[in-house]
Structures are given as C-alpha cells and as structure tokens.
C-alpha cells in the first residue's frame, strides 16, 4: 500500500481535499491502522501527544506503509525537530504558534533546502520511503514535495496572518481552533464556533487563498470537517485516535445496557 513519492503535496497542490487522522497515543500500529482505513494522511502529534523519537521513526514508516502520508506536529518552538521529522520521512510538518513573520521564516528555514531555506542534508530514511536512491533526485524534489503548515491560533498570528501566508517556504496555514478560541476569549471559553472564532477562521482561509497557499484546519468530528471543506479548507484533520477509542468503547458499553 505504499504511496507514490510526495503524495500529500501532489494531491494538495493539485487542488484536492485531503482528510487526515490525528494520533495522540504514541502507537505506530494505531497510526498505521488509520492509514489503512483510508485517511489520506495521518498526523503524529509530538506537541501534546505521547510520542518519543523512537516511536515517531516507527510511526512515520508505519503510516507510509499503511498507504497514507505521514505528518508530524512538532513541539512549540522546536524548529530543530522540523528537519529531523523530514529526515525521518514525514511528508509535512505542522508547527504550532507561528505568531510572526520571523517565526514563519525560522520554520521555513529548517524545512527547506537552500536557496529557499537552510535545511541540513541527511534524509537517508526519507529517501528510502520516497523511493529515491539518488541524492540529487530527492534534493531536486524535496522543497516542493514536503510541506510546511504554519499554525495560526492567537490574536498576534491573526494580526500577521497575511504576512505569514506570504512568507517564502510556508506552504499552508493551519487553524488551531481550540487555542484560537481560548486566546480570543481571554481564556474564558473553548467555543470553536463562537462568532469571533468563525470570523477568524474565514480570515485565515482567505489569507491562505490570497497567497496561493493551502488552507488547513483541525476539526473535532466529521460533520465539522464536511462544513470546513465547503468553506474552502483542503487539509482537514478529524478528531483523534484517543477520541475514536473512547467513543468506540462507550458505544459498546451502551449497547450492553
């Protein structure tokens, strides 16, 4: 079930909408299973999830062999792990709290090879997963074929969203609705459908479209994901592995009562 090289970038750059699973639990087998069930991509969340480096390496390979594109969300401000995740074979990296053009530039610098960025050479595992035995082939394709998704989730990021979107080497804007709703409410609520949050979501999507970048968003469920697709978002993550396990267990127990 191996995917063609750089499958996620090819699909998104062609205008497709891709739905992705989200993995918190740190289990490569769970991540692979989500890919085998048909998600186009699977996000391995290091920022808030239970992944360590060994599990990330195994998880990226498992997702790839399960027929999906592996994506990694790195910890806050850890631009060094951006390069590592790509070397391990991630096809895209999500970076949280990109609040300024300087944040965006640092993110892009870690993710893109010269002359676009400053990524250091060493993608041996990535080359194997992408089916590239000749270094010049991977080098030629990587800047276009791997994706940077800058998370917009604060008032500061909203104020700078057009400039962040226009930053060279940033491929997509990714809405973090829970942090966005928390910050816009001054820490008083997490209503991801509050009017001010909905307006912010539309602003982020419009900034991405204006800059020719990919609009992405995290959604809590399939209903919300379908609504976001209709609003123009094209990289859409849905729920989490933990949520799927809890909901499945709850459904079984309800049926037994």
C-alpha atoms as a PDB file:
ATOM      1  CA  UNK A   1       0.000   0.000   0.000  1.00  0.00           C
ATOM      2  CA  UNK A   2       2.993   2.311  -0.353  1.00  0.00           C
ATOM      3  CA  UNK A   3       2.106   5.756  -1.652  1.00  0.00           C
ATOM      4  CA  UNK A   4       3.695   7.483  -4.659  1.00  0.00           C
ATOM      5  CA  UNK A   5       6.536   9.837  -3.778  1.00  0.00           C
ATOM      6  CA  UNK A   6       5.483  13.049  -2.032  1.00  0.00           C
ATOM      7  CA  UNK A   7       1.836  12.032  -2.310  1.00  0.00           C
ATOM      8  CA  UNK A   8       0.389  14.633   0.046  1.00  0.00           C
ATOM      9  CA  UNK A   9       1.981  17.619  -1.655  1.00  0.00           C
ATOM     10  CA  UNK A  10       0.996  16.307  -5.072  1.00  0.00           C
ATOM     11  CA  UNK A  11      -2.632  15.918  -4.042  1.00  0.00           C
ATOM     12  CA  UNK A  12      -2.940  19.248  -2.234  1.00  0.00           C
ATOM     13  CA  UNK A  13      -1.111  21.209  -4.915  1.00  0.00           C
ATOM     14  CA  UNK A  14      -3.487  19.671  -7.474  1.00  0.00           C
ATOM     15  CA  UNK A  15      -6.424  21.152  -5.567  1.00  0.00           C
ATOM     16  CA  UNK A  16      -7.678  18.020  -3.811  1.00  0.00           C
ATOM     17  CA  UNK A  17      -9.168  17.971  -0.328  1.00  0.00           C
ATOM     18  CA  UNK A  18      -7.344  15.544   1.970  1.00  0.00           C
ATOM     19  CA  UNK A  19      -8.779  14.261   5.238  1.00  0.00           C
ATOM     20  CA  UNK A  20      -6.280  13.230   7.895  1.00  0.00           C
ATOM     21  CA  UNK A  21      -6.363  11.213  11.090  1.00  0.00           C
ATOM     22  CA  UNK A  22      -4.728  12.543  14.245  1.00  0.00           C
ATOM     23  CA  UNK A  23      -2.651  10.418  16.604  1.00  0.00           C
ATOM     24  CA  UNK A  24      -2.041  11.348  20.225  1.00  0.00           C
ATOM     25  CA  UNK A  25      -1.404   7.930  21.763  1.00  0.00           C
ATOM     26  CA  UNK A  26       2.139   7.288  20.515  1.00  0.00           C
ATOM     27  CA  UNK A  27       1.274   3.946  18.892  1.00  0.00           C
ATOM     28  CA  UNK A  28       2.684   3.250  15.396  1.00  0.00           C
ATOM     29  CA  UNK A  29       0.190   0.415  14.906  1.00  0.00           C
ATOM     30  CA  UNK A  30      -2.768   2.681  15.649  1.00  0.00           C
ATOM     31  CA  UNK A  31      -1.381   5.294  13.249  1.00  0.00           C
ATOM     32  CA  UNK A  32      -0.888   2.664  10.544  1.00  0.00           C
ATOM     33  CA  UNK A  33      -4.429   1.399  11.070  1.00  0.00           C
ATOM     34  CA  UNK A  34      -5.872   4.862  10.456  1.00  0.00           C
ATOM     35  CA  UNK A  35      -3.946   4.995   7.193  1.00  0.00           C
ATOM     36  CA  UNK A  36      -5.129   1.549   6.143  1.00  0.00           C
ATOM     37  CA  UNK A  37      -8.730   2.533   6.826  1.00  0.00           C
ATOM     38  CA  UNK A  38      -8.442   5.244   4.180  1.00  0.00           C
ATOM     39  CA  UNK A  39      -7.273   8.539   5.664  1.00  0.00           C
ATOM     40  CA  UNK A  40      -5.087  10.305   3.106  1.00  0.00           C
ATOM     41  CA  UNK A  41      -2.674  11.431   5.822  1.00  0.00           C
ATOM     42  CA  UNK A  42      -2.062  10.740   9.495  1.00  0.00           C
ATOM     43  CA  UNK A  43      -0.687  13.360  11.895  1.00  0.00           C
ATOM     44  CA  UNK A  44       1.650  12.217  14.675  1.00  0.00           C
ATOM     45  CA  UNK A  45       1.332  14.850  17.393  1.00  0.00           C
ATOM     46  CA  UNK A  46       4.525  15.372  19.392  1.00  0.00           C
ATOM     47  CA  UNK A  47       3.417  18.732  20.813  1.00  0.00           C
ATOM     48  CA  UNK A  48       0.703  17.311  23.050  1.00  0.00           C
ATOM     49  CA  UNK A  49       0.864  13.595  22.300  1.00  0.00           C
ATOM     50  CA  UNK A  50       2.750  10.663  23.817  1.00  0.00           C
ATOM     51  CA  UNK A  51       5.296  10.172  21.018  1.00  0.00           C
ATOM     52  CA  UNK A  52       9.011   9.853  21.680  1.00  0.00           C
ATOM     53  CA  UNK A  53      11.654   9.888  18.950  1.00  0.00           C
ATOM     54  CA  UNK A  54      11.805   6.117  18.505  1.00  0.00           C
ATOM     55  CA  UNK A  55       8.030   5.897  18.198  1.00  0.00           C
ATOM     56  CA  UNK A  56       7.977   8.768  15.694  1.00  0.00           C
ATOM     57  CA  UNK A  57      10.515   6.994  13.473  1.00  0.00           C
ATOM     58  CA  UNK A  58       8.475   3.785  13.608  1.00  0.00           C
ATOM     59  CA  UNK A  59       5.197   5.650  13.214  1.00  0.00           C
ATOM     60  CA  UNK A  60       6.270   7.518  10.089  1.00  0.00           C
ATOM     61  CA  UNK A  61       7.251   4.255   8.420  1.00  0.00           C
ATOM     62  CA  UNK A  62       4.060   2.542   9.571  1.00  0.00           C
ATOM     63  CA  UNK A  63       1.817   5.306   8.215  1.00  0.00           C
ATOM     64  CA  UNK A  64       3.667   5.301   4.903  1.00  0.00           C
ATOM     65  CA  UNK A  65       3.368   1.541   4.505  1.00  0.00           C
ATOM     66  CA  UNK A  66      -0.277   1.761   5.539  1.00  0.00           C
ATOM     67  CA  UNK A  67      -0.960   3.834   2.435  1.00  0.00           C
ATOM     68  CA  UNK A  68      -1.155   7.320   3.937  1.00  0.00           C
ATOM     69  CA  UNK A  69       1.132  10.341   4.098  1.00  0.00           C
ATOM     70  CA  UNK A  70       2.901  10.779   7.459  1.00  0.00           C
ATOM     71  CA  UNK A  71       2.681  14.249   9.005  1.00  0.00           C
ATOM     72  CA  UNK A  72       4.328  15.379  12.250  1.00  0.00           C
ATOM     73  CA  UNK A  73       3.305  18.209  14.552  1.00  0.00           C
ATOM     74  CA  UNK A  74       6.479  19.320  16.295  1.00  0.00           C
ATOM     75  CA  UNK A  75       6.721  20.792  19.812  1.00  0.00           C
ATOM     76  CA  UNK A  76       6.378  24.530  20.344  1.00  0.00           C
ATOM     77  CA  UNK A  77       9.400  26.415  19.006  1.00  0.00           C
ATOM     78  CA  UNK A  78      11.334  23.217  18.204  1.00  0.00           C
ATOM     79  CA  UNK A  79      12.461  24.104  14.711  1.00  0.00           C
ATOM     80  CA  UNK A  80      15.347  21.643  15.057  1.00  0.00           C
ATOM     81  CA  UNK A  81      12.856  18.785  15.106  1.00  0.00           C
ATOM     82  CA  UNK A  82      11.314  20.080  11.872  1.00  0.00           C
ATOM     83  CA  UNK A  83      14.401  18.952   9.961  1.00  0.00           C
ATOM     84  CA  UNK A  84      14.575  15.675  11.905  1.00  0.00           C
ATOM     85  CA  UNK A  85      10.950  14.830  11.171  1.00  0.00           C
ATOM     86  CA  UNK A  86      11.537  15.404   7.466  1.00  0.00           C
ATOM     87  CA  UNK A  87      14.726  13.309   7.581  1.00  0.00           C
ATOM     88  CA  UNK A  88      12.706  10.526   9.229  1.00  0.00           C
ATOM     89  CA  UNK A  89      10.319  10.621   6.262  1.00  0.00           C
ATOM     90  CA  UNK A  90       7.479  12.945   7.240  1.00  0.00           C
ATOM     91  CA  UNK A  91       5.861  14.450   4.161  1.00  0.00           C
ATOM     92  CA  UNK A  92       4.664  17.505   6.051  1.00  0.00           C
ATOM     93  CA  UNK A  93       5.342  19.272   9.330  1.00  0.00           C
ATOM     94  CA  UNK A  94       2.862  21.288  11.378  1.00  0.00           C
ATOM     95  CA  UNK A  95       4.456  23.936  13.620  1.00  0.00           C
ATOM     96  CA  UNK A  96       2.364  25.433  16.449  1.00  0.00           C
ATOM     97  CA  UNK A  97       2.071  29.080  17.449  1.00  0.00           C
ATOM     98  CA  UNK A  98       3.550  30.704  14.348  1.00  0.00           C
ATOM     99  CA  UNK A  99       2.779  34.230  15.502  1.00  0.00           C
ATOM    100  CA  UNK A 100       5.045  36.390  13.352  1.00  0.00           C
ATOM    101  CA  UNK A 101       6.920  36.575  10.086  1.00  0.00           C
ATOM    102  CA  UNK A 102      10.124  35.775  11.980  1.00  0.00           C
ATOM    103  CA  UNK A 103       8.541  32.588  13.366  1.00  0.00           C
ATOM    104  CA  UNK A 104       7.481  31.666   9.848  1.00  0.00           C
ATOM    105  CA  UNK A 105      10.957  32.336   8.460  1.00  0.00           C
ATOM    106  CA  UNK A 106      12.604  30.152  11.113  1.00  0.00           C
ATOM    107  CA  UNK A 107      10.142  27.364  10.380  1.00  0.00           C
ATOM    108  CA  UNK A 108      10.731  27.567   6.636  1.00  0.00           C
ATOM    109  CA  UNK A 109      14.494  27.775   7.086  1.00  0.00           C
ATOM    110  CA  UNK A 110      14.515  24.478   8.997  1.00  0.00           C
ATOM    111  CA  UNK A 111      12.256  22.747   6.488  1.00  0.00           C
ATOM    112  CA  UNK A 112      13.586  23.836   3.098  1.00  0.00           C
ATOM    113  CA  UNK A 113      16.938  23.232   1.437  1.00  0.00           C
ATOM    114  CA  UNK A 114      18.959  26.154   0.007  1.00  0.00           C
ATOM    115  CA  UNK A 115      18.391  28.523  -1.605  1.00  0.00           C
ATOM    116  CA  UNK A 116      14.890  28.653  -0.102  1.00  0.00           C
ATOM    117  CA  UNK A 117      15.947  27.636   3.415  1.00  0.00           C
ATOM    118  CA  UNK A 118      18.785  26.239   5.491  1.00  0.00           C
ATOM    119  CA  UNK A 119      17.822  22.581   5.948  1.00  0.00           C
ATOM    120  CA  UNK A 120      20.890  20.445   6.540  1.00  0.00           C
ATOM    121  CA  UNK A 121      21.454  17.370   4.379  1.00  0.00           C
ATOM    122  CA  UNK A 122      20.790  13.909   5.803  1.00  0.00           C
ATOM    123  CA  UNK A 123      17.438  12.476   4.605  1.00  0.00           C
ATOM    124  CA  UNK A 124      18.517   8.825   4.321  1.00  0.00           C
ATOM    125  CA  UNK A 125      15.300   7.374   5.763  1.00  0.00           C
ATOM    126  CA  UNK A 126      13.168   9.876   3.861  1.00  0.00           C
ATOM    127  CA  UNK A 127      14.834   8.920   0.594  1.00  0.00           C
ATOM    128  CA  UNK A 128      14.105   5.247   1.217  1.00  0.00           C
ATOM    129  CA  UNK A 129      10.434   5.903   1.978  1.00  0.00           C
ATOM    130  CA  UNK A 130      10.083   8.172  -1.057  1.00  0.00           C
ATOM    131  CA  UNK A 131      11.796   5.672  -3.353  1.00  0.00           C
ATOM    132  CA  UNK A 132      14.704   7.942  -4.172  1.00  0.00           C
ATOM    133  CA  UNK A 133      18.139   6.274  -4.356  1.00  0.00           C
ATOM    134  CA  UNK A 134      19.938   9.226  -5.974  1.00  0.00           C
ATOM    135  CA  UNK A 135      20.532  12.182  -3.685  1.00  0.00           C
ATOM    136  CA  UNK A 136      20.089  14.775  -6.418  1.00  0.00           C
ATOM    137  CA  UNK A 137      16.613  13.419  -7.177  1.00  0.00           C
ATOM    138  CA  UNK A 138      15.453  13.929  -3.588  1.00  0.00           C
ATOM    139  CA  UNK A 139      17.186  17.306  -3.328  1.00  0.00           C
ATOM    140  CA  UNK A 140      15.513  18.499  -6.524  1.00  0.00           C
ATOM    141  CA  UNK A 141      12.033  17.454  -5.366  1.00  0.00           C
ATOM    142  CA  UNK A 142      12.033  17.974  -1.602  1.00  0.00           C
ATOM    143  CA  UNK A 143      11.316  21.698  -1.340  1.00  0.00           C
ATOM    144  CA  UNK A 144       8.183  21.313  -3.436  1.00  0.00           C
ATOM    145  CA  UNK A 145       7.334  17.816  -2.233  1.00  0.00           C
ATOM    146  CA  UNK A 146       7.411  18.356   1.535  1.00  0.00           C
ATOM    147  CA  UNK A 147       5.014  20.784   3.168  1.00  0.00           C
ATOM    148  CA  UNK A 148       5.207  23.353   5.959  1.00  0.00           C
ATOM    149  CA  UNK A 149       1.932  24.057   7.772  1.00  0.00           C
ATOM    150  CA  UNK A 150       2.073  27.142   9.984  1.00  0.00           C
ATOM    151  CA  UNK A 151      -0.473  27.073  12.802  1.00  0.00           C
ATOM    152  CA  UNK A 152      -2.454  30.277  13.280  1.00  0.00           C
ATOM    153  CA  UNK A 153      -4.029  30.182  16.739  1.00  0.00           C
ATOM    154  CA  UNK A 154      -3.502  33.514  18.528  1.00  0.00           C
ATOM    155  CA  UNK A 155      -4.509  37.170  18.138  1.00  0.00           C
ATOM    156  CA  UNK A 156      -0.890  38.003  17.271  1.00  0.00           C
ATOM    157  CA  UNK A 157      -0.909  35.441  14.468  1.00  0.00           C
ATOM    158  CA  UNK A 158      -4.231  36.770  13.192  1.00  0.00           C
ATOM    159  CA  UNK A 159      -2.786  40.286  13.056  1.00  0.00           C
ATOM    160  CA  UNK A 160       0.131  38.991  10.993  1.00  0.00           C
ATOM    161  CA  UNK A 161      -1.710  36.329   9.001  1.00  0.00           C
ATOM    162  CA  UNK A 162      -1.285  37.882   5.550  1.00  0.00           C
ATOM    163  CA  UNK A 163       2.457  38.358   6.063  1.00  0.00           C
ATOM    164  CA  UNK A 164       2.851  34.842   7.479  1.00  0.00           C
ATOM    165  CA  UNK A 165       0.996  33.408   4.490  1.00  0.00           C
ATOM    166  CA  UNK A 166       3.218  35.372   2.095  1.00  0.00           C
ATOM    167  CA  UNK A 167       6.459  34.105   3.681  1.00  0.00           C
ATOM    168  CA  UNK A 168       8.592  32.125   1.238  1.00  0.00           C
ATOM    169  CA  UNK A 169       8.782  28.481   2.231  1.00  0.00           C
ATOM    170  CA  UNK A 170       5.437  28.416   4.050  1.00  0.00           C
ATOM    171  CA  UNK A 171       3.128  26.105   2.121  1.00  0.00           C
ATOM    172  CA  UNK A 172      -0.038  26.176   4.224  1.00  0.00           C
ATOM    173  CA  UNK A 173      -1.862  27.881   7.060  1.00  0.00           C
ATOM    174  CA  UNK A 174      -3.374  25.525   9.630  1.00  0.00           C
ATOM    175  CA  UNK A 175      -6.092  26.670  12.013  1.00  0.00           C
ATOM    176  CA  UNK A 176      -5.807  25.519  15.617  1.00  0.00           C
ATOM    177  CA  UNK A 177      -9.398  26.253  16.673  1.00  0.00           C
ATOM    178  CA  UNK A 178      -9.127  25.342  20.345  1.00  0.00           C
ATOM    179  CA  UNK A 179      -6.147  27.579  21.096  1.00  0.00           C
ATOM    180  CA  UNK A 180      -7.690  30.216  18.849  1.00  0.00           C
ATOM    181  CA  UNK A 181     -10.966  30.155  20.768  1.00  0.00           C
ATOM    182  CA  UNK A 182      -9.128  30.136  24.095  1.00  0.00           C
ATOM    183  CA  UNK A 183      -6.964  33.128  23.199  1.00  0.00           C
ATOM    184  CA  UNK A 184      -9.747  35.148  21.549  1.00  0.00           C
ATOM    185  CA  UNK A 185     -11.944  34.689  24.637  1.00  0.00           C
ATOM    186  CA  UNK A 186      -9.172  35.710  27.007  1.00  0.00           C
ATOM    187  CA  UNK A 187      -9.048  32.214  28.430  1.00  0.00           C
ATOM    188  CA  UNK A 188     -12.742  32.139  29.301  1.00  0.00           C
ATOM    189  CA  UNK A 189     -14.083  29.663  26.737  1.00  0.00           C
ATOM    190  CA  UNK A 190     -13.310  26.997  24.163  1.00  0.00           C
ATOM    191  CA  UNK A 191     -16.235  27.554  21.831  1.00  0.00           C
ATOM    192  CA  UNK A 192     -14.772  26.816  18.407  1.00  0.00           C
ATOM    193  CA  UNK A 193     -17.972  28.055  16.755  1.00  0.00           C
ATOM    194  CA  UNK A 194     -18.196  31.367  18.592  1.00  0.00           C
ATOM    195  CA  UNK A 195     -18.790  34.252  16.158  1.00  0.00           C
ATOM    196  CA  UNK A 196     -15.321  35.748  16.665  1.00  0.00           C
ATOM    197  CA  UNK A 197     -13.718  32.350  16.070  1.00  0.00           C
ATOM    198  CA  UNK A 198     -15.737  31.751  12.905  1.00  0.00           C
ATOM    199  CA  UNK A 199     -14.688  35.177  11.616  1.00  0.00           C
ATOM    200  CA  UNK A 200     -11.057  34.372  12.396  1.00  0.00           C
ATOM    201  CA  UNK A 201     -11.305  31.038  10.584  1.00  0.00           C
ATOM    202  CA  UNK A 202     -12.646  32.788   7.491  1.00  0.00           C
ATOM    203  CA  UNK A 203      -9.850  35.372   7.710  1.00  0.00           C
ATOM    204  CA  UNK A 204      -7.185  32.654   7.871  1.00  0.00           C
ATOM    205  CA  UNK A 205      -8.701  30.766   4.949  1.00  0.00           C
ATOM    206  CA  UNK A 206      -8.859  33.952   2.893  1.00  0.00           C
ATOM    207  CA  UNK A 207      -5.219  34.801   3.681  1.00  0.00           C
ATOM    208  CA  UNK A 208      -4.114  31.370   2.526  1.00  0.00           C
ATOM    209  CA  UNK A 209      -6.083  31.619  -0.709  1.00  0.00           C
ATOM    210  CA  UNK A 210      -4.807  35.149  -1.384  1.00  0.00           C
ATOM    211  CA  UNK A 211      -1.191  33.987  -1.013  1.00  0.00           C
ATOM    212  CA  UNK A 212      -1.747  30.849  -3.078  1.00  0.00           C
ATOM    213  CA  UNK A 213      -1.177  28.642  -0.033  1.00  0.00           C
ATOM    214  CA  UNK A 214      -3.105  25.608   1.235  1.00  0.00           C
ATOM    215  CA  UNK A 215      -5.792  26.268   3.890  1.00  0.00           C
ATOM    216  CA  UNK A 216      -5.930  23.634   6.635  1.00  0.00           C
ATOM    217  CA  UNK A 217      -7.827  23.139   9.888  1.00  0.00           C
ATOM    218  CA  UNK A 218      -8.326  20.734  12.787  1.00  0.00           C
ATOM    219  CA  UNK A 219     -11.914  19.543  13.227  1.00  0.00           C
ATOM    220  CA  UNK A 220     -13.469  17.696  16.138  1.00  0.00           C
ATOM    221  CA  UNK A 221     -15.705  15.440  14.027  1.00  0.00           C
ATOM    222  CA  UNK A 222     -16.778  14.501  10.500  1.00  0.00           C
ATOM    223  CA  UNK A 223     -19.706  16.913  10.485  1.00  0.00           C
ATOM    224  CA  UNK A 224     -17.437  19.863  11.209  1.00  0.00           C
ATOM    225  CA  UNK A 225     -14.894  18.578   8.677  1.00  0.00           C
ATOM    226  CA  UNK A 226     -17.521  18.495   5.939  1.00  0.00           C
ATOM    227  CA  UNK A 227     -18.563  22.042   6.788  1.00  0.00           C
ATOM    228  CA  UNK A 228     -14.950  23.255   6.635  1.00  0.00           C
ATOM    229  CA  UNK A 229     -14.430  21.584   3.262  1.00  0.00           C
ATOM    230  CA  UNK A 230     -17.403  23.533   1.934  1.00  0.00           C
ATOM    231  CA  UNK A 231     -15.745  26.714   3.245  1.00  0.00           C
ATOM    232  CA  UNK A 232     -12.621  26.013   1.176  1.00  0.00           C
ATOM    233  CA  UNK A 233     -10.304  24.218   3.595  1.00  0.00           C
ATOM    234  CA  UNK A 234      -8.392  21.414   1.902  1.00  0.00           C
ATOM    235  CA  UNK A 235      -6.153  19.776   4.523  1.00  0.00           C
ATOM    236  CA  UNK A 236      -8.582  18.760   7.232  1.00  0.00           C
ATOM    237  CA  UNK A 237      -7.795  16.676  10.290  1.00  0.00           C
ATOM    238  CA  UNK A 238     -10.566  14.945  12.202  1.00  0.00           C
ATOM    239  CA  UNK A 239     -10.727  14.015  15.877  1.00  0.00           C
ATOM    240  CA  UNK A 240      -8.015  11.837  17.396  1.00  0.00           C
ATOM    241  CA  UNK A 241      -7.116   8.221  17.979  1.00  0.00           C
ATOM    242  CA  UNK A 242      -7.904   8.631  21.681  1.00  0.00           C
ATOM    243  CA  UNK A 243     -11.330  10.034  20.851  1.00  0.00           C
ATOM    244  CA  UNK A 244     -12.046   7.173  18.453  1.00  0.00           C
ATOM    245  CA  UNK A 245     -11.117   4.588  21.109  1.00  0.00           C
ATOM    246  CA  UNK A 246     -13.200   6.294  23.798  1.00  0.00           C
ATOM    247  CA  UNK A 247     -16.232   6.717  21.529  1.00  0.00           C
ATOM    248  CA  UNK A 248     -15.990   3.129  20.323  1.00  0.00           C
ATOM    249  CA  UNK A 249     -15.751   1.771  23.861  1.00  0.00           C
ATOM    250  CA  UNK A 250     -18.651   3.925  25.010  1.00  0.00           C
ATOM    251  CA  UNK A 251     -20.819   2.707  22.128  1.00  0.00           C
ATOM    252  CA  UNK A 252     -20.118  -0.937  23.009  1.00  0.00           C
ATOM    253  CA  UNK A 253     -20.934  -0.378  26.681  1.00  0.00           C
ATOM    254  CA  UNK A 254     -24.157   1.461  25.830  1.00  0.00           C
ATOM    255  CA  UNK A 255     -25.227  -1.483  23.677  1.00  0.00           C
ATOM    256  CA  UNK A 256     -24.723  -3.847  26.623  1.00  0.00           C
ATOM    257  CA  UNK A 257     -27.037  -1.938  28.946  1.00  0.00           C
END
